[in-house]
Amino acid sequence: MRARLAILMSQQTVLIRAIVMKNKPAEMLAVSPKGTVPVLVLGTGSSTQLIDESLDIMLWALNLSDPDNLLYAEDAKALPEMLTIINENDQQFKPNLERYKRARRFHGEDEEECRLQCEPFIQALEQRLSQQAFLMGATPSLLDFALLPFVRQYSRVNRQHYRDSSYTHLQHWLKQHLQSQLFAKAMLQYPVWLETGKENRLGKG
């Protein structure tokens, strides 16, 4: 989702081949053997370039065009700060979130413990948002869109607990994003490429 968001925000255009992870196309595995999504293929033949990390796709798109200044270009310290927090999300919060989701799904006795492991990161985001409208300041940034999918997942694990929590600023921030046209476009479901043979256009044009 975050790769799609950045592509839309940067006004780039890509063709999407939607897949089912349980049935990965041979063409995908040929270019990206690790078999994860998203996979962005640029160019053809000997000039082909592969980007198969969502954050790298975001940076590729926004370095081409950043009309909403998501990179906070005027502040040299902003991008390193954003990348540090994104790395914490990807390396620490995300694994904790997966354990929390699994515990909830399978009614594990460690659900509460798993949730508590997620809390410090969520609390830090709440603290930021108590001081400003978005995670880096008064306007959205790369950080907001890079973390959005994972905060959304967190909010859905135990909806009642999330609704009853004291994370009022985070709740407002998330609701604002989820109700946007941008989010709706990014979440659009496409026909599976192996079933239809059709590519679908995402982005400008």
C-alpha atoms as a PDB file:
ATOM      1  CA  MET A   1       0.000   0.000   0.000  1.00  0.00           C
ATOM      2  CA  ARG A   2       2.716   2.508   0.867  1.00  0.00           C
ATOM      3  CA  ALA A   3       4.397   2.043  -2.501  1.00  0.00           C
ATOM      4  CA  ARG A   4       1.094   2.730  -4.242  1.00  0.00           C
ATOM      5  CA  LEU A   5       0.518   5.820  -2.088  1.00  0.00           C
ATOM      6  CA  ALA A   6       3.887   7.285  -3.053  1.00  0.00           C
ATOM      7  CA  ILE A   7       3.350   6.544  -6.742  1.00  0.00           C
ATOM      8  CA  LEU A   8       0.013   8.347  -6.612  1.00  0.00           C
ATOM      9  CA  MET A   9       1.392  11.290  -4.627  1.00  0.00           C
ATOM     10  CA  SER A  10       4.351  11.674  -6.997  1.00  0.00           C
ATOM     11  CA  GLN A  11       2.031  11.575 -10.020  1.00  0.00           C
ATOM     12  CA  GLN A  12       3.929   8.713 -11.624  1.00  0.00           C
ATOM     13  CA  THR A  13       2.280   5.999 -13.702  1.00  0.00           C
ATOM     14  CA  VAL A  14       2.923   2.268 -13.443  1.00  0.00           C
ATOM     15  CA  LEU A  15       1.258  -0.825 -14.815  1.00  0.00           C
ATOM     16  CA  ILE A  16       0.096  -3.282 -12.164  1.00  0.00           C
ATOM     17  CA  ARG A  17       0.061  -7.047 -12.432  1.00  0.00           C
ATOM     18  CA  ALA A  18      -2.003  -8.116  -9.442  1.00  0.00           C
ATOM     19  CA  ILE A  19      -1.051 -11.485  -7.974  1.00  0.00           C
ATOM     20  CA  VAL A  20      -2.124 -13.932  -5.291  1.00  0.00           C
ATOM     21  CA  MET A  21       0.770 -14.730  -2.977  1.00  0.00           C
ATOM     22  CA  LYS A  22      -0.190 -18.410  -2.865  1.00  0.00           C
ATOM     23  CA  ASN A  23       0.204 -18.582  -6.642  1.00  0.00           C
ATOM     24  CA  LYS A  24       3.182 -16.429  -7.622  1.00  0.00           C
ATOM     25  CA  PRO A  25       3.756 -16.059 -11.369  1.00  0.00           C
ATOM     26  CA  ALA A  26       6.940 -17.565 -12.759  1.00  0.00           C
ATOM     27  CA  GLU A  27       7.604 -14.231 -14.454  1.00  0.00           C
ATOM     28  CA  MET A  28       7.688 -12.511 -11.065  1.00  0.00           C
ATOM     29  CA  LEU A  29      10.025 -15.075  -9.508  1.00  0.00           C
ATOM     30  CA  ALA A  30      12.311 -14.850 -12.519  1.00  0.00           C
ATOM     31  CA  VAL A  31      12.965 -11.158 -11.918  1.00  0.00           C
ATOM     32  CA  SER A  32      12.702 -11.224  -8.112  1.00  0.00           C
ATOM     33  CA  PRO A  33      13.469 -14.690  -6.694  1.00  0.00           C
ATOM     34  CA  LYS A  34      12.769 -13.652  -3.093  1.00  0.00           C
ATOM     35  CA  GLY A  35       9.093 -13.657  -4.035  1.00  0.00           C
ATOM     36  CA  THR A  36       7.859 -10.704  -2.000  1.00  0.00           C
ATOM     37  CA  VAL A  37       5.692  -7.786  -3.054  1.00  0.00           C
ATOM     38  CA  PRO A  38       5.810  -5.114  -4.285  1.00  0.00           C
ATOM     39  CA  VAL A  39       8.161  -5.567  -7.229  1.00  0.00           C
ATOM     40  CA  LEU A  40       8.797  -2.628  -9.548  1.00  0.00           C
ATOM     41  CA  VAL A  41      10.477  -3.335 -12.889  1.00  0.00           C
ATOM     42  CA  LEU A  42      11.872  -0.346 -14.770  1.00  0.00           C
ATOM     43  CA  GLY A  43      13.050  -0.480 -18.364  1.00  0.00           C
ATOM     44  CA  THR A  44      13.460  -3.529 -20.594  1.00  0.00           C
ATOM     45  CA  GLY A  45      16.192  -5.895 -21.705  1.00  0.00           C
ATOM     46  CA  SER A  46      19.729  -5.144 -20.553  1.00  0.00           C
ATOM     47  CA  SER A  47      18.648  -1.807 -19.067  1.00  0.00           C
ATOM     48  CA  THR A  48      16.111  -3.368 -16.695  1.00  0.00           C
ATOM     49  CA  GLN A  49      16.201  -2.084 -13.113  1.00  0.00           C
ATOM     50  CA  LEU A  50      14.489  -3.907 -10.256  1.00  0.00           C
ATOM     51  CA  ILE A  51      13.190  -2.313  -7.049  1.00  0.00           C
ATOM     52  CA  ASP A  52      11.629  -4.841  -4.684  1.00  0.00           C
ATOM     53  CA  GLU A  53      11.375  -2.983  -1.377  1.00  0.00           C
ATOM     54  CA  SER A  54       8.345  -0.785  -0.751  1.00  0.00           C
ATOM     55  CA  LEU A  55      10.352   2.008   0.886  1.00  0.00           C
ATOM     56  CA  ASP A  56      12.778   2.063  -2.032  1.00  0.00           C
ATOM     57  CA  ILE A  57       9.834   2.372  -4.410  1.00  0.00           C
ATOM     58  CA  MET A  58       8.524   5.294  -2.369  1.00  0.00           C
ATOM     59  CA  LEU A  59      11.899   7.036  -2.537  1.00  0.00           C
ATOM     60  CA  TRP A  60      12.223   6.322  -6.259  1.00  0.00           C
ATOM     61  CA  ALA A  61       8.840   7.910  -6.941  1.00  0.00           C
ATOM     62  CA  LEU A  62       9.303  10.943  -4.702  1.00  0.00           C
ATOM     63  CA  ASN A  63      12.798  11.653  -5.973  1.00  0.00           C
ATOM     64  CA  LEU A  64      11.297  11.885  -9.443  1.00  0.00           C
ATOM     65  CA  SER A  65       8.495  14.196  -8.369  1.00  0.00           C
ATOM     66  CA  ASP A  66       7.407  15.455  -4.964  1.00  0.00           C
ATOM     67  CA  PRO A  67       4.717  18.077  -5.562  1.00  0.00           C
ATOM     68  CA  ASP A  68       3.469  17.931  -1.964  1.00  0.00           C
ATOM     69  CA  ASN A  69       6.968  18.086  -0.457  1.00  0.00           C
ATOM     70  CA  LEU A  70       6.653  14.772   1.365  1.00  0.00           C
ATOM     71  CA  LEU A  71      10.441  14.671   1.706  1.00  0.00           C
ATOM     72  CA  TYR A  72      10.528  18.047   3.487  1.00  0.00           C
ATOM     73  CA  ALA A  73      13.279  19.113   1.095  1.00  0.00           C
ATOM     74  CA  GLU A  74      13.928  22.419   2.865  1.00  0.00           C
ATOM     75  CA  ASP A  75      15.080  20.599   6.019  1.00  0.00           C
ATOM     76  CA  ALA A  76      18.275  18.563   5.602  1.00  0.00           C
ATOM     77  CA  LYS A  77      17.617  16.715   8.865  1.00  0.00           C
ATOM     78  CA  ALA A  78      14.085  15.644   7.985  1.00  0.00           C
ATOM     79  CA  LEU A  79      14.730  12.699   5.673  1.00  0.00           C
ATOM     80  CA  PRO A  80      17.334  11.023   7.942  1.00  0.00           C
ATOM     81  CA  GLU A  81      14.897  11.383  10.856  1.00  0.00           C
ATOM     82  CA  MET A  82      12.070   9.881   8.813  1.00  0.00           C
ATOM     83  CA  LEU A  83      14.221   6.973   7.646  1.00  0.00           C
ATOM     84  CA  THR A  84      15.293   6.234  11.233  1.00  0.00           C
ATOM     85  CA  ILE A  85      11.670   5.997  12.388  1.00  0.00           C
ATOM     86  CA  ILE A  86      10.667   3.972   9.328  1.00  0.00           C
ATOM     87  CA  ASN A  87      13.504   1.562  10.068  1.00  0.00           C
ATOM     88  CA  GLU A  88      12.235   1.203  13.645  1.00  0.00           C
ATOM     89  CA  ASN A  89       8.790   0.482  12.232  1.00  0.00           C
ATOM     90  CA  ASP A  90      10.050  -2.100   9.771  1.00  0.00           C
ATOM     91  CA  GLN A  91      12.584  -3.840  12.011  1.00  0.00           C
ATOM     92  CA  GLN A  92      10.886  -3.694  15.414  1.00  0.00           C
ATOM     93  CA  PHE A  93       7.251  -2.632  15.335  1.00  0.00           C
ATOM     94  CA  LYS A  94       6.268  -4.709  12.319  1.00  0.00           C
ATOM     95  CA  PRO A  95       7.500  -8.061  13.783  1.00  0.00           C
ATOM     96  CA  ASN A  96       5.782  -7.210  17.076  1.00  0.00           C
ATOM     97  CA  LEU A  97       2.609  -6.373  15.166  1.00  0.00           C
ATOM     98  CA  GLU A  98       2.726  -9.724  13.345  1.00  0.00           C
ATOM     99  CA  ARG A  99       2.978 -11.548  16.682  1.00  0.00           C
ATOM    100  CA  TYR A 100       0.077  -9.495  18.046  1.00  0.00           C
ATOM    101  CA  LYS A 101      -2.064 -10.285  14.996  1.00  0.00           C
ATOM    102  CA  ARG A 102      -1.247 -13.977  15.239  1.00  0.00           C
ATOM    103  CA  ALA A 103      -2.007 -14.106  18.969  1.00  0.00           C
ATOM    104  CA  ARG A 104      -5.363 -12.417  18.432  1.00  0.00           C
ATOM    105  CA  ARG A 105      -6.273 -14.631  15.508  1.00  0.00           C
ATOM    106  CA  PHE A 106      -5.487 -17.868  17.309  1.00  0.00           C
ATOM    107  CA  HIS A 107      -6.696 -16.717  20.748  1.00  0.00           C
ATOM    108  CA  GLY A 108      -3.218 -16.997  22.186  1.00  0.00           C
ATOM    109  CA  GLU A 109      -2.704 -16.510  25.883  1.00  0.00           C
ATOM    110  CA  ASP A 110       0.069 -14.053  25.071  1.00  0.00           C
ATOM    111  CA  GLU A 111      -2.160 -11.581  23.209  1.00  0.00           C
ATOM    112  CA  GLU A 112      -1.873  -8.941  25.911  1.00  0.00           C
ATOM    113  CA  GLU A 113       1.886  -9.350  26.092  1.00  0.00           C
ATOM    114  CA  CYS A 114       2.169  -9.060  22.318  1.00  0.00           C
ATOM    115  CA  ARG A 115       0.042  -5.924  22.316  1.00  0.00           C
ATOM    116  CA  LEU A 116       2.192  -4.351  25.025  1.00  0.00           C
ATOM    117  CA  GLN A 117       5.261  -4.934  22.877  1.00  0.00           C
ATOM    118  CA  CYS A 118       3.630  -2.771  20.191  1.00  0.00           C
ATOM    119  CA  GLU A 119       2.676   0.018  22.552  1.00  0.00           C
ATOM    120  CA  PRO A 120       5.950   2.006  22.877  1.00  0.00           C
ATOM    121  CA  PHE A 121       6.036   2.696  19.138  1.00  0.00           C
ATOM    122  CA  ILE A 122       2.338   3.624  19.044  1.00  0.00           C
ATOM    123  CA  GLN A 123       2.793   5.862  22.089  1.00  0.00           C
ATOM    124  CA  ALA A 124       5.676   7.666  20.393  1.00  0.00           C
ATOM    125  CA  LEU A 125       3.471   8.369  17.363  1.00  0.00           C
ATOM    126  CA  GLU A 126       0.691   9.640  19.630  1.00  0.00           C
ATOM    127  CA  GLN A 127       3.166  11.962  21.321  1.00  0.00           C
ATOM    128  CA  ARG A 128       4.253  13.399  17.967  1.00  0.00           C
ATOM    129  CA  LEU A 129       0.682  13.911  16.847  1.00  0.00           C
ATOM    130  CA  SER A 130      -0.241  15.638  20.091  1.00  0.00           C
ATOM    131  CA  GLN A 131       2.122  18.424  19.033  1.00  0.00           C
ATOM    132  CA  GLN A 132       1.403  18.665  15.288  1.00  0.00           C
ATOM    133  CA  ALA A 133      -1.126  17.569  12.680  1.00  0.00           C
ATOM    134  CA  PHE A 134       1.177  15.062  10.978  1.00  0.00           C
ATOM    135  CA  LEU A 135       4.158  13.013  12.058  1.00  0.00           C
ATOM    136  CA  MET A 136       6.786  15.506  10.873  1.00  0.00           C
ATOM    137  CA  GLY A 137       4.915  18.774  11.106  1.00  0.00           C
ATOM    138  CA  ALA A 138       1.951  20.707   9.771  1.00  0.00           C
ATOM    139  CA  THR A 139       1.865  18.874   6.433  1.00  0.00           C
ATOM    140  CA  PRO A 140       2.032  15.183   5.455  1.00  0.00           C
ATOM    141  CA  SER A 141       5.406  13.562   4.857  1.00  0.00           C
ATOM    142  CA  LEU A 142       6.987  10.358   3.638  1.00  0.00           C
ATOM    143  CA  LEU A 143       6.832   9.183   7.252  1.00  0.00           C
ATOM    144  CA  ASP A 144       3.034   9.457   7.433  1.00  0.00           C
ATOM    145  CA  PHE A 145       2.491   7.352   4.335  1.00  0.00           C
ATOM    146  CA  ALA A 146       5.234   4.842   5.148  1.00  0.00           C
ATOM    147  CA  LEU A 147       3.692   4.074   8.552  1.00  0.00           C
ATOM    148  CA  LEU A 148       0.026   4.345   7.585  1.00  0.00           C
ATOM    149  CA  PRO A 149      -0.491   0.685   6.528  1.00  0.00           C
ATOM    150  CA  PHE A 150       0.972  -0.646   9.773  1.00  0.00           C
ATOM    151  CA  VAL A 151      -0.920   1.697  12.081  1.00  0.00           C
ATOM    152  CA  ARG A 152      -4.061   0.693  10.198  1.00  0.00           C
ATOM    153  CA  GLN A 153      -3.263  -2.974  10.815  1.00  0.00           C
ATOM    154  CA  TYR A 154      -2.644  -2.287  14.497  1.00  0.00           C
ATOM    155  CA  SER A 155      -6.008  -0.530  14.838  1.00  0.00           C
ATOM    156  CA  ARG A 156      -7.795  -3.554  13.385  1.00  0.00           C
ATOM    157  CA  VAL A 157      -6.279  -6.296  15.553  1.00  0.00           C
ATOM    158  CA  ASN A 158      -8.434  -5.492  18.583  1.00  0.00           C
ATOM    159  CA  ARG A 159     -10.794  -2.799  17.419  1.00  0.00           C
ATOM    160  CA  GLN A 160     -12.488  -2.330  20.784  1.00  0.00           C
ATOM    161  CA  HIS A 161      -9.214  -1.815  22.611  1.00  0.00           C
ATOM    162  CA  TYR A 162      -8.052   0.645  19.951  1.00  0.00           C
ATOM    163  CA  ARG A 163     -11.306   2.623  20.128  1.00  0.00           C
ATOM    164  CA  ASP A 164     -11.143   2.736  23.933  1.00  0.00           C
ATOM    165  CA  SER A 165      -7.484   3.734  24.050  1.00  0.00           C
ATOM    166  CA  SER A 166      -6.154   7.184  24.860  1.00  0.00           C
ATOM    167  CA  TYR A 167      -4.601   7.543  21.401  1.00  0.00           C
ATOM    168  CA  THR A 168      -7.009  10.282  20.379  1.00  0.00           C
ATOM    169  CA  HIS A 169      -4.568  12.127  18.124  1.00  0.00           C
ATOM    170  CA  LEU A 170      -3.493   8.933  16.387  1.00  0.00           C
ATOM    171  CA  GLN A 171      -7.133   7.964  15.889  1.00  0.00           C
ATOM    172  CA  HIS A 172      -7.868  11.317  14.252  1.00  0.00           C
ATOM    173  CA  TRP A 173      -4.755  11.051  12.064  1.00  0.00           C
ATOM    174  CA  LEU A 174      -5.644   7.548  10.919  1.00  0.00           C
ATOM    175  CA  LYS A 175      -9.300   8.366  10.273  1.00  0.00           C
ATOM    176  CA  GLN A 176      -8.279  11.369   8.200  1.00  0.00           C
ATOM    177  CA  HIS A 177      -6.081   9.196   5.984  1.00  0.00           C
ATOM    178  CA  LEU A 178      -8.543   6.324   5.666  1.00  0.00           C
ATOM    179  CA  GLN A 179     -11.344   8.633   4.551  1.00  0.00           C
ATOM    180  CA  SER A 180      -9.243  10.256   1.819  1.00  0.00           C
ATOM    181  CA  GLN A 181      -9.665   9.690  -1.916  1.00  0.00           C
ATOM    182  CA  LEU A 182      -5.945   8.925  -2.080  1.00  0.00           C
ATOM    183  CA  PHE A 183      -6.338   5.966   0.255  1.00  0.00           C
ATOM    184  CA  ALA A 184      -9.333   4.681  -1.703  1.00  0.00           C
ATOM    185  CA  LYS A 185      -7.295   4.765  -4.919  1.00  0.00           C
ATOM    186  CA  ALA A 186      -4.365   2.988  -3.283  1.00  0.00           C
ATOM    187  CA  MET A 187      -6.623   0.238  -1.924  1.00  0.00           C
ATOM    188  CA  LEU A 188      -8.353  -0.475  -5.221  1.00  0.00           C
ATOM    189  CA  GLN A 189      -8.485  -4.202  -5.943  1.00  0.00           C
ATOM    190  CA  TYR A 190      -7.378  -5.287  -9.413  1.00  0.00           C
ATOM    191  CA  PRO A 191      -8.179  -8.502 -11.322  1.00  0.00           C
ATOM    192  CA  VAL A 192      -5.521 -11.177 -10.862  1.00  0.00           C
ATOM    193  CA  TRP A 193      -3.058 -11.028 -13.749  1.00  0.00           C
ATOM    194  CA  LEU A 194      -2.663 -14.820 -14.045  1.00  0.00           C
ATOM    195  CA  GLU A 195      -6.416 -15.119 -14.522  1.00  0.00           C
ATOM    196  CA  THR A 196      -6.990 -12.250 -16.940  1.00  0.00           C
ATOM    197  CA  GLY A 197      -3.605 -11.522 -18.547  1.00  0.00           C
ATOM    198  CA  LYS A 198      -4.459  -7.835 -18.104  1.00  0.00           C
ATOM    199  CA  GLU A 199      -2.246  -5.101 -16.704  1.00  0.00           C
ATOM    200  CA  ASN A 200      -3.929  -2.187 -14.934  1.00  0.00           C
ATOM    201  CA  ARG A 201      -2.774   1.399 -14.785  1.00  0.00           C
ATOM    202  CA  LEU A 202      -2.033   3.066 -11.458  1.00  0.00           C
ATOM    203  CA  GLY A 203      -1.284   6.749 -11.253  1.00  0.00           C
ATOM    204  CA  LYS A 204      -1.385   9.744 -13.523  1.00  0.00           C
ATOM    205  CA  GLY A 205      -2.622   9.406 -17.057  1.00  0.00           C
END
